[in-house]
PDB file of N, CA and C in Angstrom:
ATOM      1  N   MET A   1      28.649 -61.299  99.332  1.00  0.00           N
ATOM      2  CA  MET A   1      27.958 -60.303 100.118  1.00  0.00           C
ATOM      3  C   MET A   1      26.935 -59.606  99.233  1.00  0.00           C
ATOM      4  N   ARG A   2      25.715 -59.583  99.618  1.00  0.00           N
ATOM      5  CA  ARG A   2      24.663 -58.934  98.857  1.00  0.00           C
ATOM      6  C   ARG A   2      24.559 -57.465  99.224  1.00  0.00           C
ATOM      7  N   THR A   3      24.047 -56.683  98.258  1.00  0.00           N
ATOM      8  CA  THR A   3      23.807 -55.283  98.550  1.00  0.00           C
ATOM      9  C   THR A   3      22.476 -55.116  99.256  1.00  0.00           C
ATOM     10  N   SER A   4      21.692 -56.182  99.311  1.00  0.00           N
ATOM     11  CA  SER A   4      20.384 -56.133  99.943  1.00  0.00           C
ATOM     12  C   SER A   4      20.040 -57.523 100.450  1.00  0.00           C
ATOM     13  N   GLU A   5      19.228 -57.596 101.470  1.00  0.00           N
ATOM     14  CA  GLU A   5      18.775 -58.892 101.961  1.00  0.00           C
ATOM     15  C   GLU A   5      17.423 -59.267 101.366  1.00  0.00           C
ATOM     16  N   GLN A   6      16.924 -58.480 100.422  1.00  0.00           N
ATOM     17  CA  GLN A   6      15.653 -58.784  99.779  1.00  0.00           C
ATOM     18  C   GLN A   6      15.827 -59.991  98.874  1.00  0.00           C
ATOM     19  N   PRO A   7      14.755 -60.789  98.681  1.00  0.00           N
ATOM     20  CA  PRO A   7      14.883 -61.944  97.796  1.00  0.00           C
ATOM     21  C   PRO A   7      15.139 -61.500  96.362  1.00  0.00           C
ATOM     22  N   CYS A   8      15.918 -62.284  95.642  1.00  0.00           N
ATOM     23  CA  CYS A   8      16.228 -61.970  94.253  1.00  0.00           C
ATOM     24  C   CYS A   8      15.043 -62.253  93.351  1.00  0.00           C
ATOM     25  N   ILE A   9      14.844 -61.388  92.367  1.00  0.00           N
ATOM     26  CA  ILE A   9      13.850 -61.609  91.327  1.00  0.00           C
ATOM     27  C   ILE A   9      14.510 -61.332  89.986  1.00  0.00           C
ATOM     28  N   PRO A  10      13.965 -61.885  88.909  1.00  0.00           N
ATOM     29  CA  PRO A  10      14.630 -61.809  87.609  1.00  0.00           C
ATOM     30  C   PRO A  10      14.842 -60.394  87.079  1.00  0.00           C
ATOM     31  N   GLY A  11      15.761 -60.309  86.114  1.00  0.00           N
ATOM     32  CA  GLY A  11      16.006 -59.071  85.394  1.00  0.00           C
ATOM     33  C   GLY A  11      16.785 -58.048  86.195  1.00  0.00           C
ATOM     34  N   ILE A  12      16.515 -56.794  85.887  1.00  0.00           N
ATOM     35  CA  ILE A  12      17.218 -55.683  86.522  1.00  0.00           C
ATOM     36  C   ILE A  12      17.047 -55.728  88.033  1.00  0.00           C
ATOM     37  N   ALA A  13      15.914 -56.218  88.503  1.00  0.00           N
ATOM     38  CA  ALA A  13      15.702 -56.302  89.949  1.00  0.00           C
ATOM     39  C   ALA A  13      16.744 -57.189  90.618  1.00  0.00           C
ATOM     40  N   ALA A  14      17.418 -58.050  89.844  1.00  0.00           N
ATOM     41  CA  ALA A  14      18.468 -58.895  90.408  1.00  0.00           C
ATOM     42  C   ALA A  14      19.602 -58.052  90.970  1.00  0.00           C
ATOM     43  N   LEU A  15      19.716 -56.811  90.515  1.00  0.00           N
ATOM     44  CA  LEU A  15      20.775 -55.943  91.030  1.00  0.00           C
ATOM     45  C   LEU A  15      20.605 -55.675  92.518  1.00  0.00           C
ATOM     46  N   GLU A  16      19.392 -55.820  93.027  1.00  0.00           N
ATOM     47  CA  GLU A  16      19.162 -55.665  94.464  1.00  0.00           C
ATOM     48  C   GLU A  16      19.883 -56.761  95.245  1.00  0.00           C
ATOM     49  N   CYS A  17      20.214 -57.840  94.578  1.00  0.00           N
ATOM     50  CA  CYS A  17      20.878 -58.981  95.209  1.00  0.00           C
ATOM     51  C   CYS A  17      22.314 -59.123  94.717  1.00  0.00           C
ATOM     52  N   LEU A  18      22.861 -58.070  94.135  1.00  0.00           N
ATOM     53  CA  LEU A  18      24.185 -58.135  93.541  1.00  0.00           C
ATOM     54  C   LEU A  18      25.247 -58.528  94.564  1.00  0.00           C
ATOM     55  N   LEU A  19      26.062 -59.467  94.160  1.00  0.00           N
ATOM     56  CA  LEU A  19      27.177 -59.940  94.985  1.00  0.00           C
ATOM     57  C   LEU A  19      28.467 -59.272  94.544  1.00  0.00           C
ATOM     58  N   SER A  20      29.483 -59.429  95.337  1.00  0.00           N
ATOM     59  CA  SER A  20      30.810 -58.994  94.944  1.00  0.00           C
ATOM     60  C   SER A  20      31.350 -59.970  93.898  1.00  0.00           C
ATOM     61  N   HIS A  21      32.145 -59.464  92.966  1.00  0.00           N
ATOM     62  CA  HIS A  21      32.749 -60.344  91.960  1.00  0.00           C
ATOM     63  C   HIS A  21      33.721 -61.336  92.597  1.00  0.00           C
ATOM     64  N   THR A  22      34.087 -61.101  93.848  1.00  0.00           N
ATOM     65  CA  THR A  22      34.989 -62.019  94.548  1.00  0.00           C
ATOM     66  C   THR A  22      34.240 -63.017  95.429  1.00  0.00           C
ATOM     67  N   ALA A  23      32.918 -63.019  95.357  1.00  0.00           N
ATOM     68  CA  ALA A  23      32.108 -63.937  96.174  1.00  0.00           C
ATOM     69  C   ALA A  23      32.441 -65.390  95.842  1.00  0.00           C
ATOM     70  N   ALA A  24      32.127 -66.251  96.765  1.00  0.00           N
ATOM     71  CA  ALA A  24      32.313 -67.692  96.538  1.00  0.00           C
ATOM     72  C   ALA A  24      31.483 -68.125  95.328  1.00  0.00           C
ATOM     73  N   TRP A  25      31.999 -69.112  94.611  1.00  0.00           N
ATOM     74  CA  TRP A  25      31.307 -69.579  93.405  1.00  0.00           C
ATOM     75  C   TRP A  25      29.874 -70.009  93.719  1.00  0.00           C
ATOM     76  N   SER A  26      29.640 -70.667  94.823  1.00  0.00           N
ATOM     77  CA  SER A  26      28.284 -71.125  95.163  1.00  0.00           C
ATOM     78  C   SER A  26      27.323 -69.947  95.294  1.00  0.00           C
ATOM     79  N   GLU A  27      27.793 -68.825  95.814  1.00  0.00           N
ATOM     80  CA  GLU A  27      26.952 -67.635  95.921  1.00  0.00           C
ATOM     81  C   GLU A  27      26.688 -67.028  94.546  1.00  0.00           C
ATOM     82  N   LEU A  28      27.703 -67.017  93.685  1.00  0.00           N
ATOM     83  CA  LEU A  28      27.519 -66.497  92.335  1.00  0.00           C
ATOM     84  C   LEU A  28      26.527 -67.352  91.556  1.00  0.00           C
ATOM     85  N   GLU A  29      26.569 -68.649  91.768  1.00  0.00           N
ATOM     86  CA  GLU A  29      25.608 -69.530  91.095  1.00  0.00           C
ATOM     87  C   GLU A  29      24.174 -69.174  91.477  1.00  0.00           C
ATOM     88  N   THR A  30      23.947 -68.945  92.757  1.00  0.00           N
ATOM     89  CA  THR A  30      22.611 -68.580  93.228  1.00  0.00           C
ATOM     90  C   THR A  30      22.169 -67.266  92.592  1.00  0.00           C
ATOM     91  N   PHE A  31      23.064 -66.297  92.532  1.00  0.00           N
ATOM     92  CA  PHE A  31      22.754 -65.010  91.905  1.00  0.00           C
ATOM     93  C   PHE A  31      22.418 -65.204  90.425  1.00  0.00           C
ATOM     94  N   CYS A  32      23.242 -65.956  89.707  1.00  0.00           N
ATOM     95  CA  CYS A  32      23.032 -66.157  88.275  1.00  0.00           C
ATOM     96  C   CYS A  32      21.723 -66.888  87.991  1.00  0.00           C
ATOM     97  N   GLN A  33      21.365 -67.820  88.826  1.00  0.00           N
ATOM     98  CA  GLN A  33      20.073 -68.500  88.667  1.00  0.00           C
ATOM     99  C   GLN A  33      18.940 -67.499  88.794  1.00  0.00           C
ATOM    100  N   ALA A  34      19.088 -66.519  89.685  1.00  0.00           N
ATOM    101  CA  ALA A  34      18.040 -65.532  89.919  1.00  0.00           C
ATOM    102  C   ALA A  34      17.894 -64.546  88.763  1.00  0.00           C
ATOM    103  N   ILE A  35      18.930 -64.371  87.968  1.00  0.00           N
ATOM    104  CA  ILE A  35      18.874 -63.412  86.868  1.00  0.00           C
ATOM    105  C   ILE A  35      17.718 -63.734  85.936  1.00  0.00           C
ATOM    106  N   ALA A  36      17.548 -64.983  85.590  1.00  0.00           N
ATOM    107  CA  ALA A  36      16.508 -65.375  84.634  1.00  0.00           C
ATOM    108  C   ALA A  36      15.271 -65.950  85.311  1.00  0.00           C
ATOM    109  N   GLY A  37      15.304 -66.120  86.606  1.00  0.00           N
ATOM    110  CA  GLY A  37      14.153 -66.656  87.303  1.00  0.00           C
ATOM    111  C   GLY A  37      14.084 -68.166  87.226  1.00  0.00           C
ATOM    112  N   SER A  38      13.048 -68.711  87.785  1.00  0.00           N
ATOM    113  CA  SER A  38      12.940 -70.168  87.916  1.00  0.00           C
ATOM    114  C   SER A  38      12.787 -70.888  86.580  1.00  0.00           C
ATOM    115  N   LYS A  39      12.306 -70.210  85.558  1.00  0.00           N
ATOM    116  CA  LYS A  39      12.103 -70.865  84.263  1.00  0.00           C
ATOM    117  C   LYS A  39      13.317 -70.735  83.344  1.00  0.00           C
ATOM    118  N   GLY A  40      14.341 -69.997  83.781  1.00  0.00           N
ATOM    119  CA  GLY A  40      15.524 -69.821  82.952  1.00  0.00           C
ATOM    120  C   GLY A  40      15.295 -68.783  81.871  1.00  0.00           C
ATOM    121  N   ASP A  41      16.316 -68.478  81.143  1.00  0.00           N
ATOM    122  CA  ASP A  41      16.230 -67.484  80.073  1.00  0.00           C
ATOM    123  C   ASP A  41      15.582 -68.128  78.851  1.00  0.00           C
ATOM    124  N   HIS A  42      14.617 -67.454  78.285  1.00  0.00           N
ATOM    125  CA  HIS A  42      13.852 -67.997  77.154  1.00  0.00           C
ATOM    126  C   HIS A  42      14.602 -67.908  75.822  1.00  0.00           C
ATOM    127  N   ARG A  43      15.686 -67.166  75.787  1.00  0.00           N
ATOM    128  CA  ARG A  43      16.398 -66.962  74.523  1.00  0.00           C
ATOM    129  C   ARG A  43      17.259 -68.172  74.170  1.00  0.00           C
ATOM    130  N   GLU A  44      17.498 -68.317  72.879  1.00  0.00           N
ATOM    131  CA  GLU A  44      18.368 -69.382  72.379  1.00  0.00           C
ATOM    132  C   GLU A  44      19.799 -69.135  72.860  1.00  0.00           C
ATOM    133  N   VAL A  45      20.543 -70.200  73.019  1.00  0.00           N
ATOM    134  CA  VAL A  45      21.934 -70.099  73.450  1.00  0.00           C
ATOM    135  C   VAL A  45      22.720 -69.226  72.480  1.00  0.00           C
ATOM    136  N   SER A  46      22.454 -69.351  71.190  1.00  0.00           N
ATOM    137  CA  SER A  46      23.192 -68.548  70.204  1.00  0.00           C
ATOM    138  C   SER A  46      22.939 -67.056  70.409  1.00  0.00           C
ATOM    139  N   GLU A  47      21.723 -66.681  70.792  1.00  0.00           N
ATOM    140  CA  GLU A  47      21.419 -65.275  71.057  1.00  0.00           C
ATOM    141  C   GLU A  47      22.149 -64.792  72.311  1.00  0.00           C
ATOM    142  N   LEU A  48      22.132 -65.598  73.354  1.00  0.00           N
ATOM    143  CA  LEU A  48      22.857 -65.247  74.577  1.00  0.00           C
ATOM    144  C   LEU A  48      24.359 -65.149  74.320  1.00  0.00           C
ATOM    145  N   ALA A  49      24.884 -66.054  73.510  1.00  0.00           N
ATOM    146  CA  ALA A  49      26.313 -66.025  73.181  1.00  0.00           C
ATOM    147  C   ALA A  49      26.671 -64.747  72.426  1.00  0.00           C
ATOM    148  N   ALA A  50      25.810 -64.316  71.500  1.00  0.00           N
ATOM    149  CA  ALA A  50      26.064 -63.091  70.751  1.00  0.00           C
ATOM    150  C   ALA A  50      26.042 -61.877  71.679  1.00  0.00           C
ATOM    151  N   ILE A  51      25.085 -61.834  72.589  1.00  0.00           N
ATOM    152  CA  ILE A  51      25.024 -60.750  73.574  1.00  0.00           C
ATOM    153  C   ILE A  51      26.298 -60.749  74.413  1.00  0.00           C
ATOM    154  N   ALA A  52      26.703 -61.940  74.862  1.00  0.00           N
ATOM    155  CA  ALA A  52      27.894 -62.064  75.716  1.00  0.00           C
ATOM    156  C   ALA A  52      29.156 -61.605  74.980  1.00  0.00           C
ATOM    157  N   ARG A  53      29.300 -61.991  73.721  1.00  0.00           N
ATOM    158  CA  ARG A  53      30.483 -61.578  72.945  1.00  0.00           C
ATOM    159  C   ARG A  53      30.545 -60.061  72.819  1.00  0.00           C
ATOM    160  N   GLN A  54      29.410 -59.466  72.495  1.00  0.00           N
ATOM    161  CA  GLN A  54      29.368 -58.016  72.310  1.00  0.00           C
ATOM    162  C   GLN A  54      29.620 -57.295  73.635  1.00  0.00           C
ATOM    163  N   ALA A  55      28.989 -57.735  74.705  1.00  0.00           N
ATOM    164  CA  ALA A  55      29.168 -57.094  76.012  1.00  0.00           C
ATOM    165  C   ALA A  55      30.602 -57.254  76.503  1.00  0.00           C
ATOM    166  N   LYS A  56      31.159 -58.439  76.333  1.00  0.00           N
ATOM    167  CA  LYS A  56      32.523 -58.701  76.790  1.00  0.00           C
ATOM    168  C   LYS A  56      33.539 -57.839  76.041  1.00  0.00           C
ATOM    169  N   ALA A  57      33.259 -57.552  74.789  1.00  0.00           N
ATOM    170  CA  ALA A  57      34.168 -56.731  73.983  1.00  0.00           C
ATOM    171  C   ALA A  57      34.293 -55.318  74.539  1.00  0.00           C
ATOM    172  N   ASP A  58      33.205 -54.806  75.158  1.00  0.00           N
ATOM    173  CA  ASP A  58      33.248 -53.457  75.730  1.00  0.00           C
ATOM    174  C   ASP A  58      32.238 -53.373  76.865  1.00  0.00           C
ATOM    175  N   LEU A  59      32.622 -53.888  78.031  1.00  0.00           N
ATOM    176  CA  LEU A  59      31.721 -53.900  79.187  1.00  0.00           C
ATOM    177  C   LEU A  59      31.238 -52.499  79.555  1.00  0.00           C
ATOM    178  N   GLY A  60      32.093 -51.515  79.415  1.00  0.00           N
ATOM    179  CA  GLY A  60      31.722 -50.151  79.775  1.00  0.00           C
ATOM    180  C   GLY A  60      30.585 -49.602  78.934  1.00  0.00           C
ATOM    181  N   ALA A  61      30.487 -50.043  77.694  1.00  0.00           N
ATOM    182  CA  ALA A  61      29.441 -49.561  76.796  1.00  0.00           C
ATOM    183  C   ALA A  61      28.190 -50.443  76.819  1.00  0.00           C
ATOM    184  N   ALA A  62      28.302 -51.636  77.382  1.00  0.00           N
ATOM    185  CA  ALA A  62      27.173 -52.575  77.398  1.00  0.00           C
ATOM    186  C   ALA A  62      26.096 -52.110  78.362  1.00  0.00           C
ATOM    187  N   GLY A  63      24.858 -52.367  78.025  1.00  0.00           N
ATOM    188  CA  GLY A  63      23.746 -52.052  78.907  1.00  0.00           C
ATOM    189  C   GLY A  63      23.704 -53.028  80.080  1.00  0.00           C
ATOM    190  N   THR A  64      23.078 -52.597  81.145  1.00  0.00           N
ATOM    191  CA  THR A  64      22.980 -53.429  82.346  1.00  0.00           C
ATOM    192  C   THR A  64      22.288 -54.753  82.054  1.00  0.00           C
ATOM    193  N   GLU A  65      21.210 -54.727  81.286  1.00  0.00           N
ATOM    194  CA  GLU A  65      20.507 -55.968  80.963  1.00  0.00           C
ATOM    195  C   GLU A  65      21.398 -56.916  80.166  1.00  0.00           C
ATOM    196  N   ASP A  66      22.209 -56.363  79.277  1.00  0.00           N
ATOM    197  CA  ASP A  66      23.126 -57.203  78.495  1.00  0.00           C
ATOM    198  C   ASP A  66      24.204 -57.806  79.388  1.00  0.00           C
ATOM    199  N   ILE A  67      24.675 -57.050  80.370  1.00  0.00           N
ATOM    200  CA  ILE A  67      25.688 -57.600  81.281  1.00  0.00           C
ATOM    201  C   ILE A  67      25.067 -58.699  82.144  1.00  0.00           C
ATOM    202  N   LEU A  68      23.834 -58.523  82.561  1.00  0.00           N
ATOM    203  CA  LEU A  68      23.152 -59.587  83.309  1.00  0.00           C
ATOM    204  C   LEU A  68      22.989 -60.830  82.437  1.00  0.00           C
ATOM    205  N   ALA A  69      22.592 -60.644  81.174  1.00  0.00           N
ATOM    206  CA  ALA A  69      22.461 -61.781  80.252  1.00  0.00           C
ATOM    207  C   ALA A  69      23.815 -62.448  80.043  1.00  0.00           C
ATOM    208  N   THR A  70      24.880 -61.647  80.000  1.00  0.00           N
ATOM    209  CA  THR A  70      26.230 -62.169  79.838  1.00  0.00           C
ATOM    210  C   THR A  70      26.638 -63.010  81.043  1.00  0.00           C
ATOM    211  N   ALA A  71      26.358 -62.502  82.237  1.00  0.00           N
ATOM    212  CA  ALA A  71      26.663 -63.266  83.455  1.00  0.00           C
ATOM    213  C   ALA A  71      25.912 -64.587  83.441  1.00  0.00           C
ATOM    214  N   TYR A  72      24.640 -64.550  83.069  1.00  0.00           N
ATOM    215  CA  TYR A  72      23.830 -65.764  83.000  1.00  0.00           C
ATOM    216  C   TYR A  72      24.442 -66.743  81.986  1.00  0.00           C
ATOM    217  N   PHE A  73      24.805 -66.228  80.811  1.00  0.00           N
ATOM    218  CA  PHE A  73      25.382 -67.084  79.775  1.00  0.00           C
ATOM    219  C   PHE A  73      26.667 -67.753  80.258  1.00  0.00           C
ATOM    220  N   PHE A  74      27.584 -66.965  80.838  1.00  0.00           N
ATOM    221  CA  PHE A  74      28.860 -67.542  81.260  1.00  0.00           C
ATOM    222  C   PHE A  74      28.689 -68.499  82.431  1.00  0.00           C
ATOM    223  N   TRP A  75      27.711 -68.261  83.285  1.00  0.00           N
ATOM    224  CA  TRP A  75      27.412 -69.228  84.353  1.00  0.00           C
ATOM    225  C   TRP A  75      26.960 -70.552  83.735  1.00  0.00           C
ATOM    226  N   ARG A  76      26.045 -70.465  82.760  1.00  0.00           N
ATOM    227  CA  ARG A  76      25.572 -71.685  82.094  1.00  0.00           C
ATOM    228  C   ARG A  76      26.715 -72.380  81.363  1.00  0.00           C
ATOM    229  N   LYS A  77      27.560 -71.584  80.700  1.00  0.00           N
ATOM    230  CA  LYS A  77      28.692 -72.162  79.975  1.00  0.00           C
ATOM    231  C   LYS A  77      29.623 -72.897  80.935  1.00  0.00           C
ATOM    232  N   PHE A  78      29.890 -72.321  82.078  1.00  0.00           N
ATOM    233  CA  PHE A  78      30.717 -72.950  83.095  1.00  0.00           C
ATOM    234  C   PHE A  78      30.098 -74.283  83.514  1.00  0.00           C
ATOM    235  N   ARG A  79      28.789 -74.289  83.729  1.00  0.00           N
ATOM    236  CA  ARG A  79      28.103 -75.529  84.122  1.00  0.00           C
ATOM    237  C   ARG A  79      28.100 -76.548  82.993  1.00  0.00           C
ATOM    238  N   TRP A  80      27.868 -76.083  81.752  1.00  0.00           N
ATOM    239  CA  TRP A  80      27.860 -77.005  80.611  1.00  0.00           C
ATOM    240  C   TRP A  80      29.212 -77.690  80.471  1.00  0.00           C
ATOM    241  N   ASN A  81      30.267 -76.980  80.802  1.00  0.00           N
ATOM    242  CA  ASN A  81      31.619 -77.530  80.702  1.00  0.00           C
ATOM    243  C   ASN A  81      32.073 -78.160  82.018  1.00  0.00           C
ATOM    244  N   GLU A  82      31.109 -78.429  82.882  1.00  0.00           N
ATOM    245  CA  GLU A  82      31.336 -79.129  84.149  1.00  0.00           C
ATOM    246  C   GLU A  82      32.430 -78.492  84.995  1.00  0.00           C
ATOM    247  N   GLY A  83      32.452 -77.150  85.009  1.00  0.00           N
ATOM    248  CA  GLY A  83      33.380 -76.439  85.867  1.00  0.00           C
ATOM    249  C   GLY A  83      34.801 -76.373  85.356  1.00  0.00           C
ATOM    250  N   LEU A  84      35.004 -76.781  84.122  1.00  0.00           N
ATOM    251  CA  LEU A  84      36.367 -76.812  83.575  1.00  0.00           C
ATOM    252  C   LEU A  84      36.627 -75.647  82.628  1.00  0.00           C
ATOM    253  N   ASP A  85      35.927 -74.545  82.835  1.00  0.00           N
ATOM    254  CA  ASP A  85      36.025 -73.412  81.931  1.00  0.00           C
ATOM    255  C   ASP A  85      36.424 -72.160  82.713  1.00  0.00           C
ATOM    256  N   ALA A  86      37.723 -72.001  82.909  1.00  0.00           N
ATOM    257  CA  ALA A  86      38.231 -70.859  83.685  1.00  0.00           C
ATOM    258  C   ALA A  86      37.893 -69.537  83.008  1.00  0.00           C
ATOM    259  N   GLU A  87      37.884 -69.501  81.678  1.00  0.00           N
ATOM    260  CA  GLU A  87      37.550 -68.270  80.959  1.00  0.00           C
ATOM    261  C   GLU A  87      36.104 -67.868  81.215  1.00  0.00           C
ATOM    262  N   ALA A  88      35.187 -68.821  81.273  1.00  0.00           N
ATOM    263  CA  ALA A  88      33.785 -68.500  81.569  1.00  0.00           C
ATOM    264  C   ALA A  88      33.652 -67.916  82.965  1.00  0.00           C
ATOM    265  N   GLU A  89      34.349 -68.493  83.928  1.00  0.00           N
ATOM    266  CA  GLU A  89      34.291 -67.955  85.294  1.00  0.00           C
ATOM    267  C   GLU A  89      34.879 -66.551  85.334  1.00  0.00           C
ATOM    268  N   ARG A  90      35.998 -66.355  84.689  1.00  0.00           N
ATOM    269  CA  ARG A  90      36.654 -65.044  84.674  1.00  0.00           C
ATOM    270  C   ARG A  90      35.727 -64.002  84.021  1.00  0.00           C
ATOM    271  N   SER A  91      35.091 -64.368  82.916  1.00  0.00           N
ATOM    272  CA  SER A  91      34.191 -63.450  82.217  1.00  0.00           C
ATOM    273  C   SER A  91      32.970 -63.109  83.072  1.00  0.00           C
ATOM    274  N   LEU A  92      32.428 -64.104  83.753  1.00  0.00           N
ATOM    275  CA  LEU A  92      31.299 -63.861  84.642  1.00  0.00           C
ATOM    276  C   LEU A  92      31.704 -62.881  85.740  1.00  0.00           C
ATOM    277  N   ARG A  93      32.843 -63.119  86.360  1.00  0.00           N
ATOM    278  CA  ARG A  93      33.302 -62.244  87.453  1.00  0.00           C
ATOM    279  C   ARG A  93      33.598 -60.823  86.952  1.00  0.00           C
ATOM    280  N   GLN A  94      34.096 -60.685  85.723  1.00  0.00           N
ATOM    281  CA  GLN A  94      34.327 -59.355  85.160  1.00  0.00           C
ATOM    282  C   GLN A  94      33.008 -58.604  84.972  1.00  0.00           C
ATOM    283  N   GLY A  95      31.993 -59.322  84.498  1.00  0.00           N
ATOM    284  CA  GLY A  95      30.678 -58.707  84.327  1.00  0.00           C
ATOM    285  C   GLY A  95      30.078 -58.265  85.654  1.00  0.00           C
ATOM    286  N   ILE A  96      30.195 -59.115  86.667  1.00  0.00           N
ATOM    287  CA  ILE A  96      29.694 -58.767  87.997  1.00  0.00           C
ATOM    288  C   ILE A  96      30.473 -57.559  88.537  1.00  0.00           C
ATOM    289  N   GLY A  97      31.769 -57.521  88.291  1.00  0.00           N
ATOM    290  CA  GLY A  97      32.591 -56.390  88.713  1.00  0.00           C
ATOM    291  C   GLY A  97      32.123 -55.082  88.078  1.00  0.00           C
ATOM    292  N   GLU A  98      31.782 -55.129  86.798  1.00  0.00           N
ATOM    293  CA  GLU A  98      31.275 -53.932  86.119  1.00  0.00           C
ATOM    294  C   GLU A  98      29.950 -53.502  86.739  1.00  0.00           C
ATOM    295  N   LEU A  99      29.086 -54.440  87.042  1.00  0.00           N
ATOM    296  CA  LEU A  99      27.814 -54.090  87.687  1.00  0.00           C
ATOM    297  C   LEU A  99      28.052 -53.479  89.067  1.00  0.00           C
ATOM    298  N   GLU A 100      29.024 -54.018  89.792  1.00  0.00           N
ATOM    299  CA  GLU A 100      29.389 -53.448  91.104  1.00  0.00           C
ATOM    300  C   GLU A 100      29.800 -51.983  90.955  1.00  0.00           C
ATOM    301  N   ARG A 101      30.646 -51.699  89.973  1.00  0.00           N
ATOM    302  CA  ARG A 101      31.108 -50.327  89.761  1.00  0.00           C
ATOM    303  C   ARG A 101      29.941 -49.400  89.433  1.00  0.00           C
ATOM    304  N   ARG A 102      29.033 -49.873  88.595  1.00  0.00           N
ATOM    305  CA  ARG A 102      27.873 -49.052  88.237  1.00  0.00           C
ATOM    306  C   ARG A 102      26.988 -48.772  89.445  1.00  0.00           C
ATOM    307  N   CYS A 103      26.750 -49.794  90.230  1.00  0.00           N
ATOM    308  CA  CYS A 103      25.915 -49.618  91.425  1.00  0.00           C
ATOM    309  C   CYS A 103      26.584 -48.653  92.404  1.00  0.00           C
ATOM    310  N   ALA A 104      27.898 -48.750  92.533  1.00  0.00           N
ATOM    311  CA  ALA A 104      28.623 -47.862  93.446  1.00  0.00           C
ATOM    312  C   ALA A 104      28.522 -46.409  92.979  1.00  0.00           C
ATOM    313  N   ARG A 105      28.584 -46.176  91.676  1.00  0.00           N
ATOM    314  CA  ARG A 105      28.465 -44.814  91.147  1.00  0.00           C
ATOM    315  C   ARG A 105      27.073 -44.245  91.369  1.00  0.00           C
ATOM    316  N   GLU A 106      26.062 -45.109  91.341  1.00  0.00           N
ATOM    317  CA  GLU A 106      24.677 -44.656  91.466  1.00  0.00           C
ATOM    318  C   GLU A 106      24.214 -44.480  92.904  1.00  0.00           C
ATOM    319  N   ARG A 107      24.955 -45.050  93.858  1.00  0.00           N
ATOM    320  CA  ARG A 107      24.578 -44.913  95.266  1.00  0.00           C
ATOM    321  C   ARG A 107      24.756 -43.480  95.728  1.00  0.00           C
ATOM    322  N   PRO A 108      23.818 -42.993  96.519  1.00  0.00           N
ATOM    323  CA  PRO A 108      23.990 -41.647  97.078  1.00  0.00           C
ATOM    324  C   PRO A 108      25.228 -41.611  97.986  1.00  0.00           C
ATOM    325  N   THR A 109      25.892 -40.497  98.043  1.00  0.00           N
ATOM    326  CA  THR A 109      27.070 -40.330  98.899  1.00  0.00           C
ATOM    327  C   THR A 109      26.671 -40.557 100.336  1.00  0.00           C
ATOM    328  N   GLY A 110      27.487 -41.317 101.057  1.00  0.00           N
ATOM    329  CA  GLY A 110      27.233 -41.596 102.470  1.00  0.00           C
ATOM    330  C   GLY A 110      26.326 -42.789 102.692  1.00  0.00           C
ATOM    331  N   ALA A 111      25.907 -43.463 101.620  1.00  0.00           N
ATOM    332  CA  ALA A 111      25.017 -44.623 101.767  1.00  0.00           C
ATOM    333  C   ALA A 111      25.812 -45.864 102.041  1.00  0.00           C
TER     334      ALA A 111
END
């Protein structure tokens, strides 16, 4: 379920298309693809992995952009491992859950 019906665009704007962490995997894949846009993330895998490790260690302290990069990394990791990486899926869903909580806190009351 999206928080908006607007088309997804890369970066922080992807939050307009944020799904529930319990969404179907196919929907999460579409969201994760939108995080980096059609050209993908320009950073090296090692840089994304370092961001993901740091963000995963303390999601509450991680910046929103780092959590988005983490979700993108774990989605790619899941795909690289041909869907046989339960930890990558769990980590991706945890990151999306943290983004959900942040968005809920920022919404005006009654929205």
